[in-house]
Amino acid sequence: MKPKVVRRYDKKIVVPEGGVIDSGESPGRKIRMPGMEHMVERVLISRGCLSKRIRTLAREIVRDYRRAESIQAIAILKGAAIFSADLIRTIFDLNGPPMGIDFIRASSYRAETESSGKVEILDALTDNIAGKDVLIIEDIIDTGLTLNDIKNYILRHQGVKSLRICSLLDKPSRRKQPIEIDYIGFEVPNYFVAGYGTDYAEHFRNLPFVVVLKPSILEGKS
């Protein structure tokens, strides 16, 4: 499967099975992943694609919040840590409004590859976000269970002025609960993906691109 070459980033990118690379990147470039090469099937979203799509998302957010006094960002840990940092810095570079930053940690996975369906909020917010324009930042939305619970928690207890959701990745084929997403970076196929903040058993978060893991790894046959 050859990756699709992406030249435009002005709308959500639907990633084909072969993945995507930026027009300025070489499809034959070797990707170094010391100690992890045997676990990875292929790169799904290249570093260049991530960088350019994030800039487009930041531009859309700056446009939509142009009348806001500030944005209260809430990054969902641990997965959204890297994406949120790059997104928030890019919003600053594009002269966006001031931003507050808080974090929330919730899980329906723990060490498993399948969602349990039971969402736990492990670490709640520390800032007072009442009356603020809130932007939830997530790494990937699949079943929708975790994000729906976090959204309802914020709307029920925090009294925010507005709430929008930005997710780098969306996997609608796995959806169990409908959820409205305001900003989507990439729609991905139904593979177990990792990298750029997303993980498998706490591995791969540091990769600057998104990869597909080999099925044998997920089945415990590494």
Protein backbone atom coordinates (compact mmCIF):
# COMPACT_ATOMS: atom_id res chain seq x y z
CA MET A 1 0.00 0.00 0.00
CA LYS A 2 1.43 3.33 -1.03
CA PRO A 3 0.77 6.41 1.12
CA LYS A 4 -1.33 9.20 -0.29
CA VAL A 5 0.52 12.46 -0.88
CA VAL A 6 -1.26 15.40 0.79
CA ARG A 7 -0.96 18.90 -0.65
CA ARG A 8 -3.94 20.68 0.88
CA TYR A 9 -4.82 20.89 4.56
CA ASP A 10 -7.90 23.12 4.57
CA LYS A 11 -10.34 20.37 5.58
CA LYS A 12 -10.44 17.12 7.54
CA ILE A 13 -8.16 14.53 5.98
CA VAL A 14 -9.60 11.03 5.58
CA VAL A 15 -6.58 8.75 5.87
CA PRO A 16 -6.54 5.76 3.50
CA GLU A 17 -5.19 2.36 4.55
CA GLY A 18 -1.78 3.14 3.10
CA GLY A 19 -1.45 6.31 5.18
CA VAL A 20 -0.55 9.87 4.21
CA ILE A 21 2.66 11.84 3.71
CA ASP A 22 3.21 15.52 2.97
CA SER A 23 4.09 16.56 -0.57
CA GLY A 24 7.49 17.73 0.71
CA GLU A 25 8.40 14.34 2.19
CA SER A 26 10.01 11.36 0.52
CA PRO A 27 7.91 8.15 0.57
CA GLY A 28 11.11 6.11 0.66
CA ARG A 29 12.57 7.81 3.71
CA LYS A 30 13.52 5.34 6.44
CA ILE A 31 11.88 6.06 9.78
CA ARG A 32 14.05 5.31 12.81
CA MET A 33 12.33 3.72 15.80
CA PRO A 34 15.14 2.10 17.81
CA GLY A 35 13.97 -1.00 19.62
CA MET A 36 10.42 -0.74 18.29
CA GLU A 37 10.69 -1.46 14.57
CA HIS A 38 9.47 -5.05 15.04
CA MET A 39 6.23 -3.80 16.62
CA VAL A 40 5.24 -1.33 13.91
CA GLU A 41 3.53 -2.28 10.68
CA ARG A 42 3.83 1.11 8.98
CA VAL A 43 3.61 4.87 9.41
CA LEU A 44 0.03 6.04 8.97
CA ILE A 45 0.40 9.84 9.30
CA SER A 46 3.76 11.45 8.66
CA ARG A 47 5.41 14.17 10.67
CA GLY A 48 4.93 16.75 7.92
CA CYS A 49 1.20 16.00 7.64
CA LEU A 50 0.74 16.40 11.37
CA SER A 51 2.55 19.73 11.47
CA LYS A 52 0.65 21.29 8.58
CA ARG A 53 -2.77 20.02 9.63
CA ILE A 54 -2.23 21.33 13.18
CA ARG A 55 -1.47 24.77 11.78
CA THR A 56 -4.74 24.66 9.83
CA LEU A 57 -6.67 23.63 12.96
CA ALA A 58 -5.05 26.50 14.89
CA ARG A 59 -6.06 28.93 12.17
CA GLU A 60 -9.69 27.73 12.35
CA ILE A 61 -9.71 28.07 16.14
CA VAL A 62 -8.28 31.60 16.01
CA ARG A 63 -10.97 32.55 13.51
CA ASP A 64 -13.81 31.07 15.56
CA TYR A 65 -12.61 32.63 18.84
CA ARG A 66 -11.76 36.03 17.37
CA ARG A 67 -14.30 37.75 19.67
CA ALA A 68 -13.39 35.75 22.78
CA GLU A 69 -11.49 37.44 25.59
CA SER A 70 -9.59 34.20 26.15
CA ILE A 71 -9.73 30.45 25.59
CA GLN A 72 -9.63 27.93 28.42
CA ALA A 73 -7.92 24.85 26.98
CA ILE A 74 -8.47 21.52 28.69
CA ALA A 75 -6.12 18.80 27.48
CA ILE A 76 -7.10 15.20 28.18
CA LEU A 77 -4.11 13.31 29.59
CA LYS A 78 -2.02 11.56 28.76
CA GLY A 79 -2.69 11.23 25.06
CA ALA A 80 -3.35 14.86 24.17
CA ALA A 81 -0.26 16.26 25.90
CA ILE A 82 1.93 16.52 22.79
CA PHE A 83 -0.85 17.58 20.41
CA SER A 84 -2.19 20.21 22.81
CA ALA A 85 1.27 21.72 23.34
CA ASP A 86 1.88 22.09 19.60
CA LEU A 87 -1.65 23.36 18.97
CA ILE A 88 -1.54 25.96 21.75
CA ARG A 89 1.86 27.29 20.63
CA THR A 90 0.62 27.56 17.06
CA ILE A 91 -2.48 29.48 18.19
CA PHE A 92 -0.11 31.93 19.89
CA ASP A 93 1.98 32.24 16.72
CA LEU A 94 -1.19 33.11 14.78
CA ASN A 95 -2.06 35.90 17.25
CA GLY A 96 -4.90 34.02 18.89
CA PRO A 97 -6.50 35.15 22.15
CA PRO A 98 -4.84 34.51 25.53
CA MET A 99 -5.16 30.91 26.69
CA GLY A 100 -5.53 29.26 30.06
CA ILE A 101 -4.39 25.65 30.22
CA ASP A 102 -5.72 22.90 32.47
CA PHE A 103 -5.68 19.12 32.33
CA ILE A 104 -8.04 16.27 33.06
CA ARG A 105 -7.23 12.58 33.12
CA ALA A 106 -9.80 9.91 32.44
CA SER A 107 -9.66 6.37 31.15
CA SER A 108 -11.81 3.53 29.90
CA TYR A 109 -8.82 1.49 28.73
CA ARG A 110 -6.17 1.18 31.45
CA ALA A 111 -3.70 -1.39 30.00
CA GLU A 112 -6.19 -2.92 27.57
CA THR A 113 -6.66 -2.39 23.83
CA GLU A 114 -10.46 -2.42 24.08
CA SER A 115 -12.52 0.14 25.96
CA SER A 116 -14.21 -1.28 29.06
CA GLY A 117 -17.15 1.08 28.57
CA LYS A 118 -16.73 2.34 32.13
CA VAL A 119 -15.09 5.75 32.25
CA GLU A 120 -13.16 6.90 35.31
CA ILE A 121 -12.12 10.51 35.85
CA LEU A 122 -8.77 9.99 37.53
CA ASP A 123 -7.60 13.61 37.91
CA ALA A 124 -10.12 16.47 37.80
CA LEU A 125 -9.61 20.11 36.84
CA THR A 126 -7.75 22.50 39.11
CA ASP A 127 -8.78 25.82 37.52
CA ASN A 128 -12.09 27.60 37.94
CA ILE A 129 -13.53 27.59 34.42
CA ALA A 130 -17.00 28.99 35.21
CA GLY A 131 -18.09 31.52 32.60
CA LYS A 132 -15.19 30.72 30.25
CA ASP A 133 -14.97 29.67 26.61
CA VAL A 134 -13.65 26.12 26.86
CA LEU A 135 -11.79 24.11 24.23
CA ILE A 136 -11.36 20.41 25.03
CA ILE A 137 -8.30 18.96 23.30
CA GLU A 138 -8.17 15.21 22.71
CA ASP A 139 -5.73 12.95 20.87
CA ILE A 140 -8.21 10.41 19.45
CA ILE A 141 -11.94 9.77 19.63
CA ASP A 142 -13.15 6.26 18.92
CA THR A 143 -16.04 4.92 21.03
CA GLY A 144 -16.91 8.42 22.28
CA LEU A 145 -17.48 7.10 25.81
CA THR A 146 -14.64 8.89 27.56
CA LEU A 147 -15.16 12.22 25.87
CA ASN A 148 -18.91 12.19 26.39
CA ASP A 149 -18.41 11.64 30.11
CA ILE A 150 -15.83 14.43 30.31
CA LYS A 151 -18.07 16.79 28.34
CA ASN A 152 -21.05 16.06 30.58
CA TYR A 153 -18.90 16.47 33.69
CA ILE A 154 -17.78 19.92 32.56
CA LEU A 155 -21.24 21.07 31.48
CA ARG A 156 -22.89 19.73 34.63
CA HIS A 157 -20.46 21.06 37.22
CA GLN A 158 -18.48 23.94 35.77
CA GLY A 159 -20.98 26.44 34.29
CA VAL A 160 -18.92 27.30 31.23
CA LYS A 161 -19.82 29.99 28.71
CA SER A 162 -19.20 27.77 25.68
CA LEU A 163 -17.58 24.42 24.91
CA ARG A 164 -15.93 23.14 21.76
CA ILE A 165 -13.98 19.94 21.07
CA CYS A 166 -10.80 19.53 19.03
CA SER A 167 -9.42 16.06 18.32
CA LEU A 168 -6.35 15.24 16.30
CA LEU A 169 -7.70 11.83 15.27
CA ASP A 170 -11.20 10.48 14.79
CA LYS A 171 -12.13 6.82 14.37
CA PRO A 172 -15.90 6.93 13.65
CA SER A 173 -16.03 3.22 12.78
CA ARG A 174 -15.64 2.50 16.52
CA ARG A 175 -18.28 4.94 17.79
CA LYS A 176 -20.63 3.73 20.52
CA GLN A 177 -21.97 7.12 21.54
CA PRO A 178 -22.56 10.03 19.14
CA ILE A 179 -20.54 13.14 19.86
CA GLU A 180 -20.19 16.44 18.04
CA ILE A 181 -16.57 17.32 17.24
CA ASP A 182 -15.85 20.90 16.20
CA TYR A 183 -12.31 20.42 14.91
CA ILE A 184 -10.94 17.15 13.48
CA GLY A 185 -7.42 16.67 12.19
CA PHE A 186 -7.57 13.23 10.57
CA GLU A 187 -10.19 10.51 10.20
CA VAL A 188 -8.36 7.20 10.53
CA PRO A 189 -9.26 3.61 9.58
CA ASN A 190 -10.08 1.01 12.21
CA TYR A 191 -6.49 0.15 13.11
CA PHE A 192 -4.84 0.33 16.51
CA VAL A 193 -2.72 3.44 16.10
CA ALA A 194 -0.02 4.91 18.31
CA GLY A 195 2.46 7.76 18.30
CA TYR A 196 2.34 11.51 18.76
CA GLY A 197 0.89 11.14 22.24
CA THR A 198 -1.27 8.08 21.68
CA ASP A 199 0.05 4.85 23.15
CA TYR A 200 -0.06 1.11 23.39
CA ALA A 201 0.61 0.06 27.01
CA GLU A 202 2.42 3.39 27.55
CA HIS A 203 4.75 2.88 24.59
CA PHE A 204 5.11 5.02 21.44
CA ARG A 205 3.88 8.33 22.87
CA ASN A 206 7.16 10.05 21.96
CA LEU A 207 7.01 9.30 18.24
CA PRO A 208 6.62 12.45 16.10
CA PHE A 209 4.29 10.59 13.71
CA VAL A 210 1.37 8.15 13.93
CA VAL A 211 1.91 4.44 13.26
CA VAL A 212 -0.14 1.28 12.83
CA LEU A 213 0.89 -1.56 15.14
CA LYS A 214 1.26 -5.14 13.94
CA PRO A 215 -1.72 -7.34 14.85
CA SER A 216 0.67 -9.92 16.35
CA ILE A 217 1.75 -7.35 18.96
CA LEU A 218 -1.83 -6.71 20.02
CA GLU A 219 -2.42 -10.44 20.30
CA GLY A 220 0.59 -10.83 22.59
CA LYS A 221 2.66 -12.71 20.04
CA SER A 222 5.63 -10.35 19.82
